[in-house]
C-alpha atoms as a PDB file:
ATOM      1  CA  MET A   1      59.387  42.687 112.313  1.00  0.00           C
ATOM      2  CA  LYS A   2      57.874  40.854 115.258  1.00  0.00           C
ATOM      3  CA  LYS A   3      54.693  38.936 114.549  1.00  0.00           C
ATOM      4  CA  LEU A   4      51.788  40.668 116.265  1.00  0.00           C
ATOM      5  CA  LYS A   5      48.263  39.749 117.250  1.00  0.00           C
ATOM      6  CA  ILE A   6      45.749  42.147 115.711  1.00  0.00           C
ATOM      7  CA  VAL A   7      41.980  42.321 116.151  1.00  0.00           C
ATOM      8  CA  PHE A   8      39.992  43.812 113.275  1.00  0.00           C
ATOM      9  CA  THR A   9      36.375  44.865 113.878  1.00  0.00           C
ATOM     10  CA  GLY A  10      34.111  45.085 110.848  1.00  0.00           C
ATOM     11  CA  GLY A  11      35.360  41.986 109.088  1.00  0.00           C
ATOM     12  CA  SER A  12      31.993  41.442 107.405  1.00  0.00           C
ATOM     13  CA  GLY A  13      31.972  44.960 105.931  1.00  0.00           C
ATOM     14  CA  ARG A  14      32.945  45.967 102.396  1.00  0.00           C
ATOM     15  CA  PHE A  15      36.543  46.800 103.311  1.00  0.00           C
ATOM     16  CA  GLY A  16      36.818  43.985 105.846  1.00  0.00           C
ATOM     17  CA  LYS A  17      36.061  41.358 103.202  1.00  0.00           C
ATOM     18  CA  ILE A  18      38.908  42.699 101.057  1.00  0.00           C
ATOM     19  CA  PHE A  19      41.318  43.016 103.982  1.00  0.00           C
ATOM     20  CA  LYS A  20      40.695  39.386 104.954  1.00  0.00           C
ATOM     21  CA  LYS A  21      42.162  38.309 101.607  1.00  0.00           C
ATOM     22  CA  THR A  22      45.342  40.334 102.110  1.00  0.00           C
ATOM     23  CA  LYS A  23      48.396  38.332 103.165  1.00  0.00           C
ATOM     24  CA  SER A  24      49.920  39.458 106.440  1.00  0.00           C
ATOM     25  CA  LYS A  25      52.987  38.701 108.545  1.00  0.00           C
ATOM     26  CA  HIS A  26      50.790  39.133 111.582  1.00  0.00           C
ATOM     27  CA  THR A  27      48.020  37.076 113.158  1.00  0.00           C
ATOM     28  CA  ILE A  28      44.775  38.925 112.471  1.00  0.00           C
ATOM     29  CA  TYR A  29      41.491  38.016 114.119  1.00  0.00           C
ATOM     30  CA  PHE A  30      38.157  38.991 112.553  1.00  0.00           C
ATOM     31  CA  PRO A  31      35.519  38.550 115.270  1.00  0.00           C
ATOM     32  CA  THR A  32      31.865  38.251 114.302  1.00  0.00           C
ATOM     33  CA  LYS A  33      29.305  40.566 115.883  1.00  0.00           C
ATOM     34  CA  SER A  34      28.275  37.772 118.242  1.00  0.00           C
ATOM     35  CA  GLU A  35      31.903  37.269 119.331  1.00  0.00           C
ATOM     36  CA  LEU A  36      32.604  40.970 119.838  1.00  0.00           C
ATOM     37  CA  ASN A  37      29.657  43.302 120.254  1.00  0.00           C
ATOM     38  CA  ILE A  38      30.903  46.894 120.248  1.00  0.00           C
ATOM     39  CA  LEU A  39      27.801  47.999 122.159  1.00  0.00           C
ATOM     40  CA  ASN A  40      28.612  45.659 125.025  1.00  0.00           C
ATOM     41  CA  ILE A  41      31.792  46.400 127.012  1.00  0.00           C
ATOM     42  CA  ALA A  42      31.722  42.967 128.643  1.00  0.00           C
ATOM     43  CA  SER A  43      31.679  41.366 125.180  1.00  0.00           C
ATOM     44  CA  ILE A  44      34.672  43.452 124.060  1.00  0.00           C
ATOM     45  CA  GLU A  45      36.522  42.679 127.290  1.00  0.00           C
ATOM     46  CA  LYS A  46      35.905  38.946 126.957  1.00  0.00           C
ATOM     47  CA  TYR A  47      37.241  38.782 123.396  1.00  0.00           C
ATOM     48  CA  ILE A  48      40.236  41.029 124.083  1.00  0.00           C
ATOM     49  CA  THR A  49      41.182  39.078 127.206  1.00  0.00           C
ATOM     50  CA  LYS A  50      41.026  35.852 125.210  1.00  0.00           C
ATOM     51  CA  LYS A  51      43.054  37.019 122.166  1.00  0.00           C
ATOM     52  CA  LYS A  52      45.418  39.506 123.887  1.00  0.00           C
ATOM     53  CA  PRO A  53      46.105  41.657 120.806  1.00  0.00           C
ATOM     54  CA  LYS A  54      48.733  44.395 120.587  1.00  0.00           C
ATOM     55  CA  ILE A  55      46.695  46.333 118.026  1.00  0.00           C
ATOM     56  CA  LEU A  56      42.974  46.769 117.421  1.00  0.00           C
ATOM     57  CA  ILE A  57      41.805  48.129 114.058  1.00  0.00           C
ATOM     58  CA  HIS A  58      38.293  49.519 114.470  1.00  0.00           C
ATOM     59  CA  ALA A  59      36.487  49.575 111.131  1.00  0.00           C
ATOM     60  CA  ALA A  60      33.056  48.390 112.302  1.00  0.00           C
ATOM     61  CA  ALA A  61      30.551  51.155 111.569  1.00  0.00           C
ATOM     62  CA  LEU A  62      27.223  52.126 110.105  1.00  0.00           C
ATOM     63  CA  SER A  63      27.938  53.727 106.739  1.00  0.00           C
ATOM     64  CA  ARG A  64      25.769  53.463 103.625  1.00  0.00           C
ATOM     65  CA  PRO A  65      23.169  54.369 102.646  1.00  0.00           C
ATOM     66  CA  MET A  66      24.039  57.839 103.914  1.00  0.00           C
ATOM     67  CA  GLU A  67      20.349  58.643 104.453  1.00  0.00           C
ATOM     68  CA  ILE A  68      20.127  56.057 107.228  1.00  0.00           C
ATOM     69  CA  HIS A  69      22.025  58.380 109.560  1.00  0.00           C
ATOM     70  CA  GLN A  70      19.187  60.895 109.335  1.00  0.00           C
ATOM     71  CA  LYS A  71      16.407  58.314 109.434  1.00  0.00           C
ATOM     72  CA  LYS A  72      17.889  56.278 112.306  1.00  0.00           C
ATOM     73  CA  ILE A  73      19.861  58.758 114.366  1.00  0.00           C
ATOM     74  CA  ASP A  74      19.853  56.514 117.432  1.00  0.00           C
ATOM     75  CA  LYS A  75      21.453  53.649 115.474  1.00  0.00           C
ATOM     76  CA  SER A  76      24.055  56.012 114.026  1.00  0.00           C
ATOM     77  CA  ILE A  77      24.925  57.300 117.503  1.00  0.00           C
ATOM     78  CA  ASP A  78      25.038  53.794 119.001  1.00  0.00           C
ATOM     79  CA  LEU A  79      27.265  52.157 116.397  1.00  0.00           C
ATOM     80  CA  ASN A  80      29.555  54.996 115.350  1.00  0.00           C
ATOM     81  CA  ILE A  81      29.897  57.040 118.529  1.00  0.00           C
ATOM     82  CA  ILE A  82      29.067  54.885 121.550  1.00  0.00           C
ATOM     83  CA  GLY A  83      30.519  51.726 119.982  1.00  0.00           C
ATOM     84  CA  THR A  84      33.779  53.532 119.248  1.00  0.00           C
ATOM     85  CA  ALA A  85      33.895  54.968 122.761  1.00  0.00           C
ATOM     86  CA  ASN A  86      33.457  51.454 124.177  1.00  0.00           C
ATOM     87  CA  ILE A  87      36.299  50.144 122.026  1.00  0.00           C
ATOM     88  CA  THR A  88      38.493  53.049 123.133  1.00  0.00           C
ATOM     89  CA  LYS A  89      37.790  52.379 126.820  1.00  0.00           C
ATOM     90  CA  VAL A  90      38.832  48.739 126.528  1.00  0.00           C
ATOM     91  CA  CYS A  91      41.966  49.606 124.535  1.00  0.00           C
ATOM     92  CA  LEU A  92      42.867  52.173 127.191  1.00  0.00           C
ATOM     93  CA  LYS A  93      42.402  49.640 129.981  1.00  0.00           C
ATOM     94  CA  HIS A  94      44.619  47.049 128.287  1.00  0.00           C
ATOM     95  CA  ASN A  95      47.061  49.481 126.628  1.00  0.00           C
ATOM     96  CA  ILE A  96      46.200  48.227 123.143  1.00  0.00           C
ATOM     97  CA  LYS A  97      47.144  50.343 120.130  1.00  0.00           C
ATOM     98  CA  LEU A  98      43.903  51.573 118.531  1.00  0.00           C
ATOM     99  CA  ILE A  99      43.544  52.386 114.841  1.00  0.00           C
ATOM    100  CA  TYR A 100      40.234  54.039 113.987  1.00  0.00           C
ATOM    101  CA  PHE A 101      38.691  54.314 110.520  1.00  0.00           C
ATOM    102  CA  SER A 102      37.216  57.774 110.057  1.00  0.00           C
ATOM    103  CA  THR A 103      36.328  59.660 106.866  1.00  0.00           C
ATOM    104  CA  ASN A 104      37.397  62.647 104.791  1.00  0.00           C
ATOM    105  CA  TYR A 105      33.784  63.835 105.094  1.00  0.00           C
ATOM    106  CA  VAL A 106      34.678  65.415 108.442  1.00  0.00           C
ATOM    107  CA  TYR A 107      36.314  68.280 106.480  1.00  0.00           C
ATOM    108  CA  PRO A 108      34.137  71.206 105.270  1.00  0.00           C
ATOM    109  CA  GLY A 109      34.599  70.347 101.585  1.00  0.00           C
ATOM    110  CA  ILE A 110      34.827  73.960 100.429  1.00  0.00           C
ATOM    111  CA  ARG A 111      38.434  74.741  99.458  1.00  0.00           C
ATOM    112  CA  GLY A 112      40.019  71.266  99.443  1.00  0.00           C
ATOM    113  CA  ASN A 113      43.619  70.220 100.162  1.00  0.00           C
ATOM    114  CA  TYR A 114      42.747  69.770 103.851  1.00  0.00           C
ATOM    115  CA  LYS A 115      45.579  68.928 106.230  1.00  0.00           C
ATOM    116  CA  GLU A 116      45.141  66.806 109.325  1.00  0.00           C
ATOM    117  CA  ASN A 117      45.218  69.831 111.639  1.00  0.00           C
ATOM    118  CA  ASP A 118      42.736  71.930 109.643  1.00  0.00           C
ATOM    119  CA  SER A 119      39.372  72.929 111.086  1.00  0.00           C
ATOM    120  CA  LEU A 120      36.565  70.390 110.730  1.00  0.00           C
ATOM    121  CA  LEU A 121      32.926  70.755 109.739  1.00  0.00           C
ATOM    122  CA  PRO A 122      31.254  67.435 108.830  1.00  0.00           C
ATOM    123  CA  ILE A 123      29.193  67.589 105.655  1.00  0.00           C
ATOM    124  CA  ASN A 124      26.433  65.162 106.723  1.00  0.00           C
ATOM    125  CA  TYR A 125      25.124  63.104 109.650  1.00  0.00           C
ATOM    126  CA  TYR A 126      27.367  60.171 108.771  1.00  0.00           C
ATOM    127  CA  ALA A 127      30.412  62.412 109.048  1.00  0.00           C
ATOM    128  CA  TRP A 128      29.171  63.830 112.352  1.00  0.00           C
ATOM    129  CA  SER A 129      28.854  60.305 113.721  1.00  0.00           C
ATOM    130  CA  LYS A 130      32.402  59.465 112.619  1.00  0.00           C
ATOM    131  CA  LEU A 131      33.724  62.681 114.163  1.00  0.00           C
ATOM    132  CA  GLY A 132      31.908  61.694 117.345  1.00  0.00           C
ATOM    133  CA  GLY A 133      33.953  58.501 117.295  1.00  0.00           C
ATOM    134  CA  GLU A 134      37.115  60.514 116.714  1.00  0.00           C
ATOM    135  CA  CYS A 135      36.473  62.504 119.892  1.00  0.00           C
ATOM    136  CA  SER A 136      36.891  59.471 122.139  1.00  0.00           C
ATOM    137  CA  VAL A 137      39.885  58.123 120.185  1.00  0.00           C
ATOM    138  CA  MET A 138      41.645  61.511 120.398  1.00  0.00           C
ATOM    139  CA  MET A 139      41.559  61.239 124.202  1.00  0.00           C
ATOM    140  CA  TYR A 140      43.649  58.043 124.013  1.00  0.00           C
ATOM    141  CA  LYS A 141      47.256  58.775 123.054  1.00  0.00           C
ATOM    142  CA  ASN A 142      48.105  55.241 121.919  1.00  0.00           C
ATOM    143  CA  SER A 143      45.956  55.639 118.839  1.00  0.00           C
ATOM    144  CA  LEU A 144      45.822  56.481 115.144  1.00  0.00           C
ATOM    145  CA  ILE A 145      42.894  58.090 113.327  1.00  0.00           C
ATOM    146  CA  LEU A 146      42.750  57.447 109.595  1.00  0.00           C
ATOM    147  CA  ARG A 147      40.582  59.855 107.608  1.00  0.00           C
ATOM    148  CA  ILE A 148      39.935  57.637 104.638  1.00  0.00           C
ATOM    149  CA  CYS A 149      38.464  58.178 101.188  1.00  0.00           C
ATOM    150  CA  MET A 150      37.853  54.758  99.660  1.00  0.00           C
ATOM    151  CA  THR A 151      35.312  52.839  97.609  1.00  0.00           C
ATOM    152  CA  GLU A 152      34.705  49.352  96.245  1.00  0.00           C
ATOM    153  CA  LYS A 153      36.096  48.055  92.971  1.00  0.00           C
ATOM    154  CA  PRO A 154      34.645  48.092  90.372  1.00  0.00           C
ATOM    155  CA  PHE A 155      33.026  51.502  90.857  1.00  0.00           C
ATOM    156  CA  ILE A 156      29.353  50.720  91.475  1.00  0.00           C
ATOM    157  CA  HIS A 157      27.620  53.847  90.160  1.00  0.00           C
ATOM    158  CA  LYS A 158      26.582  54.332  86.522  1.00  0.00           C
ATOM    159  CA  LYS A 159      26.563  58.121  86.867  1.00  0.00           C
ATOM    160  CA  THR A 160      29.016  60.260  88.798  1.00  0.00           C
ATOM    161  CA  PHE A 161      30.057  63.841  89.466  1.00  0.00           C
ATOM    162  CA  PHE A 162      32.455  65.667  87.160  1.00  0.00           C
ATOM    163  CA  ASP A 163      32.535  68.774  89.370  1.00  0.00           C
ATOM    164  CA  LEU A 164      33.260  67.223  92.769  1.00  0.00           C
ATOM    165  CA  LYS A 165      36.896  66.695  93.766  1.00  0.00           C
ATOM    166  CA  THR A 166      38.022  64.086  96.258  1.00  0.00           C
ATOM    167  CA  ASN A 167      40.697  61.414  96.880  1.00  0.00           C
ATOM    168  CA  PHE A 168      39.032  58.127  96.086  1.00  0.00           C
ATOM    169  CA  MET A 169      41.127  54.995  96.389  1.00  0.00           C
ATOM    170  CA  TYR A 170      39.941  51.408  96.030  1.00  0.00           C
ATOM    171  CA  HIS A 171      39.620  49.114  99.037  1.00  0.00           C
ATOM    172  CA  ASP A 172      42.415  46.814  97.867  1.00  0.00           C
ATOM    173  CA  GLU A 173      44.815  49.785  97.661  1.00  0.00           C
ATOM    174  CA  VAL A 174      43.994  50.819 101.230  1.00  0.00           C
ATOM    175  CA  ALA A 175      44.505  47.212 102.359  1.00  0.00           C
ATOM    176  CA  LYS A 176      48.062  47.288 100.964  1.00  0.00           C
ATOM    177  CA  ILE A 177      48.909  50.584 102.696  1.00  0.00           C
ATOM    178  CA  LEU A 178      47.411  49.781 106.099  1.00  0.00           C
ATOM    179  CA  PRO A 179      50.274  47.506 107.296  1.00  0.00           C
ATOM    180  CA  LYS A 180      52.701  50.413 106.797  1.00  0.00           C
ATOM    181  CA  LEU A 181      50.695  52.529 109.259  1.00  0.00           C
ATOM    182  CA  LEU A 182      50.347  50.084 112.152  1.00  0.00           C
ATOM    183  CA  PHE A 183      52.898  51.847 114.359  1.00  0.00           C
ATOM    184  CA  LYS A 184      51.952  55.443 113.542  1.00  0.00           C
ATOM    185  CA  LYS A 185      50.002  57.671 115.927  1.00  0.00           C
ATOM    186  CA  GLY A 186      47.912  60.807 115.637  1.00  0.00           C
ATOM    187  CA  ILE A 187      45.895  61.517 112.485  1.00  0.00           C
ATOM    188  CA  ILE A 188      46.688  60.609 108.867  1.00  0.00           C
ATOM    189  CA  ASN A 189      44.730  61.427 105.710  1.00  0.00           C
ATOM    190  CA  LEU A 190      44.478  58.304 103.548  1.00  0.00           C
ATOM    191  CA  GLY A 191      43.389  58.358  99.927  1.00  0.00           C
ATOM    192  CA  GLY A 192      44.473  58.628  96.300  1.00  0.00           C
ATOM    193  CA  PRO A 193      45.390  61.567  94.039  1.00  0.00           C
ATOM    194  CA  THR A 194      43.061  64.564  94.005  1.00  0.00           C
ATOM    195  CA  GLN A 195      40.695  64.360  91.040  1.00  0.00           C
ATOM    196  CA  SER A 196      37.024  64.564  90.149  1.00  0.00           C
ATOM    197  CA  VAL A 197      34.928  61.512  90.955  1.00  0.00           C
ATOM    198  CA  TYR A 198      34.233  61.144  87.214  1.00  0.00           C
ATOM    199  CA  ASN A 199      37.948  61.062  86.324  1.00  0.00           C
ATOM    200  CA  PHE A 200      38.524  58.419  88.994  1.00  0.00           C
ATOM    201  CA  ALA A 201      35.614  56.222  87.906  1.00  0.00           C
ATOM    202  CA  SER A 202      36.116  56.552  84.146  1.00  0.00           C
ATOM    203  CA  LYS A 203      39.604  55.038  84.274  1.00  0.00           C
ATOM    204  CA  TYR A 204      38.009  51.653  84.964  1.00  0.00           C
ATOM    205  CA  ASN A 205      34.576  52.180  83.449  1.00  0.00           C
ATOM    206  CA  LYS A 206      34.502  54.112  80.189  1.00  0.00           C
ATOM    207  CA  LYS A 207      30.699  53.940  80.153  1.00  0.00           C
ATOM    208  CA  VAL A 208      30.163  55.902  83.363  1.00  0.00           C
ATOM    209  CA  LYS A 209      28.175  59.075  82.672  1.00  0.00           C
ATOM    210  CA  LYS A 210      28.910  62.615  83.859  1.00  0.00           C
ATOM    211  CA  ILE A 211      26.461  64.434  86.105  1.00  0.00           C
ATOM    212  CA  SER A 212      26.739  67.735  87.969  1.00  0.00           C
ATOM    213  CA  ALA A 213      27.032  67.696  91.751  1.00  0.00           C
ATOM    214  CA  ARG A 214      26.192  71.400  91.803  1.00  0.00           C
ATOM    215  CA  LYS A 215      22.891  70.766  90.018  1.00  0.00           C
ATOM    216  CA  LYS A 216      22.001  67.662  92.010  1.00  0.00           C
ATOM    217  CA  LEU A 217      23.148  68.789  95.476  1.00  0.00           C
ATOM    218  CA  GLY A 218      22.677  72.551  95.198  1.00  0.00           C
ATOM    219  CA  LYS A 219      24.991  75.506  94.705  1.00  0.00           C
ATOM    220  CA  ASN A 220      26.071  75.497  98.356  1.00  0.00           C
ATOM    221  CA  ALA A 221      27.042  71.829  98.384  1.00  0.00           C
ATOM    222  CA  PRO A 222      30.671  71.053  99.344  1.00  0.00           C
ATOM    223  CA  LEU A 223      32.420  70.319  96.043  1.00  0.00           C
ATOM    224  CA  ASN A 224      36.059  69.997  97.080  1.00  0.00           C
ATOM    225  CA  LEU A 225      36.599  67.278  99.668  1.00  0.00           C
ATOM    226  CA  SER A 226      40.208  66.731  98.669  1.00  0.00           C
ATOM    227  CA  MET A 227      42.823  66.117 101.354  1.00  0.00           C
ATOM    228  CA  ASN A 228      46.497  66.980 101.587  1.00  0.00           C
ATOM    229  CA  LEU A 229      48.348  63.641 101.472  1.00  0.00           C
ATOM    230  CA  GLY A 230      51.814  64.992 102.292  1.00  0.00           C
ATOM    231  CA  LYS A 231      51.971  63.176 105.643  1.00  0.00           C
ATOM    232  CA  LEU A 232      50.912  59.862 104.096  1.00  0.00           C
ATOM    233  CA  ASN A 233      53.325  60.159 101.169  1.00  0.00           C
ATOM    234  CA  LYS A 234      56.285  60.656 103.494  1.00  0.00           C
ATOM    235  CA  ILE A 235      55.444  57.332 105.147  1.00  0.00           C
ATOM    236  CA  ILE A 236      54.765  55.196 102.062  1.00  0.00           C
END
């Protein structure tokens, strides 16, 4: 495989810090916010023109705490929607392959086993902001959208839901899979086996306590965010 130049935005984030430690055949650049400001097209242009990457992995985003997306809507829009649109514009101009980190939260979370072409209905403001980013990326054909369900290791919460199903996978596992997806296009669900959050967390922390998502979030809360991973499994 030919050695490629890759730019990764979000290197100071939770996943970015893990991905930096992963060995790669390629040359990967992790620009700081001052080197590449996603809210400034001229800044993106300057960095891209200097490094001349073949691929740009866009993981920079506003994520947790989830409440911040309701409290600071303008910041959520700027970083997750406008910032992604700016990145997409520059990739389009320079014909750079774009890989965008989205989330499984864009699915309704009612019946589970969602495929990539299923209807979407984001479950919170964070998910709406990530879907807003998806809209610009979808208009650029030389791109890949990854709807990811991942978390840090060890699992940080002392209590977790026994009645909410999803596809959690640890950051280091995603980092190992990502190189296998560099040349794919379209949309791919990325996560681990479908299971309750409690079952996932308790494998590494026997002391984690069960709580009910239905009681905490309400009877109408989405309790099955699981994705169909058939497309991913065929690749890896």
